Amino acid sequence: MEARIKSAMNPDLITAIQHLHKVIAAGGVDQRLLSLVHLRASQINGCSPCVHASIASAKKAGETEERLHNAVAWRETPFFTDAERAALALTEAATRIQDGAPGVTDEIWDAAVDHFTESQSGAIVLEIAMTNFFNRINRTVREQAGKTW
């Protein structure tokens, strides 16, 4: 499968994305957790370049192969903390917003904010939104894993 266009990114968009990444980084969330959030949303959306990028980023931040291989089945494994589970549940609920899906329920939101400060929660929500943004661009233009990231 070939990419449909060489790049959907223009310089102004890249600058805006860099600013958003700075906001996420300033939120004080461990990079490994942000990488897991990025990975899980990208798995749900079937975005191979973002799955590829999140695994590379997670490994660079010190994440283990065991946890990366089990992120897709995080509920059934002992490898994640309660805080990570809350962030992953938030990620799934915010990503799966198709017709009829409940989205982020009060229960999911409350579980997440029990573990994170307001600044951290904001960073996680922005990471989820940015991931879904990139997933949709990549899926639309058929970006290939390993070609860009």
C-alpha atoms as a PDB file:
ATOM      1  CA  MET A   1       0.000   0.000   0.000  1.00  0.00           C
ATOM      2  CA  GLU A   2       1.399   3.386  -1.011  1.00  0.00           C
ATOM      3  CA  ALA A   3       0.914   6.648   0.847  1.00  0.00           C
ATOM      4  CA  ARG A   4      -1.570   8.892  -0.937  1.00  0.00           C
ATOM      5  CA  ILE A   5       0.445  12.072  -0.459  1.00  0.00           C
ATOM      6  CA  LYS A   6       4.025  12.735   0.556  1.00  0.00           C
ATOM      7  CA  SER A   7       3.134  14.936   3.533  1.00  0.00           C
ATOM      8  CA  ALA A   8      -0.066  16.341   4.947  1.00  0.00           C
ATOM      9  CA  MET A   9       1.956  18.670   7.161  1.00  0.00           C
ATOM     10  CA  ASN A  10       2.770  22.286   6.388  1.00  0.00           C
ATOM     11  CA  PRO A  11       5.208  24.420   8.430  1.00  0.00           C
ATOM     12  CA  ASP A  12       2.468  26.280  10.331  1.00  0.00           C
ATOM     13  CA  LEU A  13       0.837  23.015  11.333  1.00  0.00           C
ATOM     14  CA  ILE A  14       4.172  21.587  12.462  1.00  0.00           C
ATOM     15  CA  THR A  15       4.763  24.671  14.639  1.00  0.00           C
ATOM     16  CA  ALA A  16       1.303  24.322  16.188  1.00  0.00           C
ATOM     17  CA  ILE A  17       1.910  20.633  16.892  1.00  0.00           C
ATOM     18  CA  GLN A  18       5.257  21.430  18.526  1.00  0.00           C
ATOM     19  CA  HIS A  19       3.490  23.893  20.838  1.00  0.00           C
ATOM     20  CA  LEU A  20       0.923  21.259  21.784  1.00  0.00           C
ATOM     21  CA  HIS A  21       3.686  18.755  22.521  1.00  0.00           C
ATOM     22  CA  LYS A  22       5.307  21.330  24.837  1.00  0.00           C
ATOM     23  CA  VAL A  23       2.017  21.709  26.705  1.00  0.00           C
ATOM     24  CA  ILE A  24       1.741  17.928  27.066  1.00  0.00           C
ATOM     25  CA  ALA A  25       5.338  17.662  28.315  1.00  0.00           C
ATOM     26  CA  ALA A  26       4.748  20.464  30.816  1.00  0.00           C
ATOM     27  CA  GLY A  27       1.862  18.482  32.334  1.00  0.00           C
ATOM     28  CA  GLY A  28       4.250  16.339  34.358  1.00  0.00           C
ATOM     29  CA  VAL A  29       3.157  12.914  33.123  1.00  0.00           C
ATOM     30  CA  ASP A  30       5.797  10.199  32.809  1.00  0.00           C
ATOM     31  CA  GLN A  31       6.777   9.790  29.148  1.00  0.00           C
ATOM     32  CA  ARG A  32       6.304   6.030  29.418  1.00  0.00           C
ATOM     33  CA  LEU A  33       2.649   6.532  30.336  1.00  0.00           C
ATOM     34  CA  LEU A  34       2.127   9.038  27.525  1.00  0.00           C
ATOM     35  CA  SER A  35       3.635   6.489  25.143  1.00  0.00           C
ATOM     36  CA  LEU A  36       1.245   3.805  26.414  1.00  0.00           C
ATOM     37  CA  VAL A  37      -1.686   6.171  25.910  1.00  0.00           C
ATOM     38  CA  HIS A  38      -0.475   6.907  22.378  1.00  0.00           C
ATOM     39  CA  LEU A  39       0.012   3.208  21.705  1.00  0.00           C
ATOM     40  CA  ARG A  40      -3.418   2.156  22.951  1.00  0.00           C
ATOM     41  CA  ALA A  41      -5.332   4.794  20.984  1.00  0.00           C
ATOM     42  CA  SER A  42      -3.303   3.963  17.888  1.00  0.00           C
ATOM     43  CA  GLN A  43      -4.011   0.250  18.292  1.00  0.00           C
ATOM     44  CA  ILE A  44      -7.742   0.959  18.508  1.00  0.00           C
ATOM     45  CA  ASN A  45      -7.604   3.131  15.389  1.00  0.00           C
ATOM     46  CA  GLY A  46      -5.352   0.739  13.463  1.00  0.00           C
ATOM     47  CA  CYS A  47      -2.735   3.416  12.808  1.00  0.00           C
ATOM     48  CA  SER A  48       0.488   1.565  12.031  1.00  0.00           C
ATOM     49  CA  PRO A  49       2.809   4.610  11.906  1.00  0.00           C
ATOM     50  CA  CYS A  50       1.595   5.763  15.317  1.00  0.00           C
ATOM     51  CA  VAL A  51       1.871   2.263  16.797  1.00  0.00           C
ATOM     52  CA  HIS A  52       5.422   2.161  15.435  1.00  0.00           C
ATOM     53  CA  ALA A  53       6.228   5.650  16.793  1.00  0.00           C
ATOM     54  CA  SER A  54       4.749   5.031  20.227  1.00  0.00           C
ATOM     55  CA  ILE A  55       6.705   1.804  20.681  1.00  0.00           C
ATOM     56  CA  ALA A  56       9.938   3.529  19.664  1.00  0.00           C
ATOM     57  CA  SER A  57       9.208   6.430  22.019  1.00  0.00           C
ATOM     58  CA  ALA A  58       8.289   4.102  24.878  1.00  0.00           C
ATOM     59  CA  LYS A  59      11.464   2.054  24.462  1.00  0.00           C
ATOM     60  CA  LYS A  60      13.527   5.251  24.429  1.00  0.00           C
ATOM     61  CA  ALA A  61      11.830   6.240  27.706  1.00  0.00           C
ATOM     62  CA  GLY A  62      12.690   2.851  29.250  1.00  0.00           C
ATOM     63  CA  GLU A  63       9.461   0.935  28.726  1.00  0.00           C
ATOM     64  CA  THR A  64       9.669  -2.868  28.750  1.00  0.00           C
ATOM     65  CA  GLU A  65       8.837  -5.207  25.889  1.00  0.00           C
ATOM     66  CA  GLU A  66       6.522  -7.142  28.203  1.00  0.00           C
ATOM     67  CA  ARG A  67       4.306  -4.126  28.888  1.00  0.00           C
ATOM     68  CA  LEU A  68       4.362  -2.953  25.274  1.00  0.00           C
ATOM     69  CA  HIS A  69       3.262  -6.381  24.052  1.00  0.00           C
ATOM     70  CA  ASN A  70       0.454  -6.453  26.599  1.00  0.00           C
ATOM     71  CA  ALA A  71      -0.906  -2.913  26.239  1.00  0.00           C
ATOM     72  CA  VAL A  72      -3.604  -4.235  23.916  1.00  0.00           C
ATOM     73  CA  ALA A  73      -4.839  -6.541  26.721  1.00  0.00           C
ATOM     74  CA  TRP A  74      -4.040  -4.325  29.704  1.00  0.00           C
ATOM     75  CA  ARG A  75      -7.178  -5.355  31.629  1.00  0.00           C
ATOM     76  CA  GLU A  76      -6.129  -9.012  31.652  1.00  0.00           C
ATOM     77  CA  THR A  77      -2.512  -8.551  32.735  1.00  0.00           C
ATOM     78  CA  PRO A  78      -0.751  -7.762  36.028  1.00  0.00           C
ATOM     79  CA  PHE A  79       1.768  -5.427  34.365  1.00  0.00           C
ATOM     80  CA  PHE A  80       0.074  -2.040  34.861  1.00  0.00           C
ATOM     81  CA  THR A  81      -0.485   0.151  37.913  1.00  0.00           C
ATOM     82  CA  ASP A  82      -3.910   1.424  38.945  1.00  0.00           C
ATOM     83  CA  ALA A  83      -2.976   4.882  37.629  1.00  0.00           C
ATOM     84  CA  GLU A  84      -1.907   3.438  34.273  1.00  0.00           C
ATOM     85  CA  ARG A  85      -5.114   1.410  34.084  1.00  0.00           C
ATOM     86  CA  ALA A  86      -7.156   4.552  34.723  1.00  0.00           C
ATOM     87  CA  ALA A  87      -5.276   6.395  31.962  1.00  0.00           C
ATOM     88  CA  LEU A  88      -5.734   3.480  29.548  1.00  0.00           C
ATOM     89  CA  ALA A  89      -9.468   3.269  30.338  1.00  0.00           C
ATOM     90  CA  LEU A  90      -9.748   7.023  29.702  1.00  0.00           C
ATOM     91  CA  THR A  91      -7.851   6.577  26.445  1.00  0.00           C
ATOM     92  CA  GLU A  92     -10.177   3.856  25.226  1.00  0.00           C
ATOM     93  CA  ALA A  93     -13.338   5.731  26.214  1.00  0.00           C
ATOM     94  CA  ALA A  94     -12.178   8.997  24.612  1.00  0.00           C
ATOM     95  CA  THR A  95     -11.058   7.191  21.450  1.00  0.00           C
ATOM     96  CA  ARG A  96     -14.144   5.023  21.010  1.00  0.00           C
ATOM     97  CA  ILE A  97     -16.762   7.722  20.560  1.00  0.00           C
ATOM     98  CA  GLN A  98     -18.646   6.173  17.681  1.00  0.00           C
ATOM     99  CA  ASP A  99     -22.437   6.222  17.523  1.00  0.00           C
ATOM    100  CA  GLY A 100     -23.930   4.740  20.655  1.00  0.00           C
ATOM    101  CA  ALA A 101     -20.665   4.453  22.604  1.00  0.00           C
ATOM    102  CA  PRO A 102     -20.913   5.877  26.109  1.00  0.00           C
ATOM    103  CA  GLY A 103     -17.665   7.837  25.750  1.00  0.00           C
ATOM    104  CA  VAL A 104     -15.974   9.036  28.909  1.00  0.00           C
ATOM    105  CA  THR A 105     -18.377   8.246  31.710  1.00  0.00           C
ATOM    106  CA  ASP A 106     -18.203   9.925  35.119  1.00  0.00           C
ATOM    107  CA  GLU A 107     -16.861   6.661  36.522  1.00  0.00           C
ATOM    108  CA  ILE A 108     -13.969   6.575  34.038  1.00  0.00           C
ATOM    109  CA  TRP A 109     -13.219  10.281  34.516  1.00  0.00           C
ATOM    110  CA  ASP A 110     -13.327  10.038  38.326  1.00  0.00           C
ATOM    111  CA  ALA A 111     -10.995   7.034  38.301  1.00  0.00           C
ATOM    112  CA  ALA A 112      -8.492   8.970  36.187  1.00  0.00           C
ATOM    113  CA  VAL A 113      -8.563  12.181  38.215  1.00  0.00           C
ATOM    114  CA  ASP A 114      -8.128  10.175  41.414  1.00  0.00           C
ATOM    115  CA  HIS A 115      -4.612   9.364  40.175  1.00  0.00           C
ATOM    116  CA  PHE A 116      -3.569  12.540  38.384  1.00  0.00           C
ATOM    117  CA  THR A 117      -3.419  16.246  39.079  1.00  0.00           C
ATOM    118  CA  GLU A 118      -5.460  18.610  36.960  1.00  0.00           C
ATOM    119  CA  SER A 119      -2.352  19.477  34.951  1.00  0.00           C
ATOM    120  CA  GLN A 120      -1.532  15.807  34.414  1.00  0.00           C
ATOM    121  CA  SER A 121      -5.135  14.994  33.491  1.00  0.00           C
ATOM    122  CA  GLY A 122      -5.095  17.816  30.956  1.00  0.00           C
ATOM    123  CA  ALA A 123      -1.862  16.501  29.467  1.00  0.00           C
ATOM    124  CA  ILE A 124      -3.284  12.982  29.172  1.00  0.00           C
ATOM    125  CA  VAL A 125      -6.486  14.264  27.521  1.00  0.00           C
ATOM    126  CA  LEU A 126      -4.427  16.343  25.090  1.00  0.00           C
ATOM    127  CA  GLU A 127      -2.187  13.323  24.329  1.00  0.00           C
ATOM    128  CA  ILE A 128      -5.291  11.257  23.562  1.00  0.00           C
ATOM    129  CA  ALA A 129      -6.678  14.004  21.304  1.00  0.00           C
ATOM    130  CA  MET A 130      -3.350  14.511  19.510  1.00  0.00           C
ATOM    131  CA  THR A 131      -3.011  10.781  18.961  1.00  0.00           C
ATOM    132  CA  ASN A 132      -6.487  10.540  17.482  1.00  0.00           C
ATOM    133  CA  PHE A 133      -5.662  13.573  15.305  1.00  0.00           C
ATOM    134  CA  PHE A 134      -2.524  11.893  13.934  1.00  0.00           C
ATOM    135  CA  ASN A 135      -4.291   8.531  13.600  1.00  0.00           C
ATOM    136  CA  ARG A 136      -6.941  10.062  11.397  1.00  0.00           C
ATOM    137  CA  ILE A 137      -4.455  11.915   9.204  1.00  0.00           C
ATOM    138  CA  ASN A 138      -2.275   8.825   8.820  1.00  0.00           C
ATOM    139  CA  ARG A 139      -5.205   6.548   8.037  1.00  0.00           C
ATOM    140  CA  THR A 140      -6.576   9.023   5.496  1.00  0.00           C
ATOM    141  CA  VAL A 141      -3.313   9.484   3.601  1.00  0.00           C
ATOM    142  CA  ARG A 142      -2.170   5.871   4.120  1.00  0.00           C
ATOM    143  CA  GLU A 143       1.061   6.835   5.843  1.00  0.00           C
ATOM    144  CA  GLN A 144       3.286   3.786   6.292  1.00  0.00           C
ATOM    145  CA  ALA A 145       4.874   2.626   9.547  1.00  0.00           C
ATOM    146  CA  GLY A 146       8.567   3.386   9.711  1.00  0.00           C
ATOM    147  CA  LYS A 147       8.527   5.782   6.751  1.00  0.00           C
ATOM    148  CA  THR A 148       7.971   9.061   8.606  1.00  0.00           C
ATOM    149  CA  TRP A 149       8.562   8.456  12.273  1.00  0.00           C
END
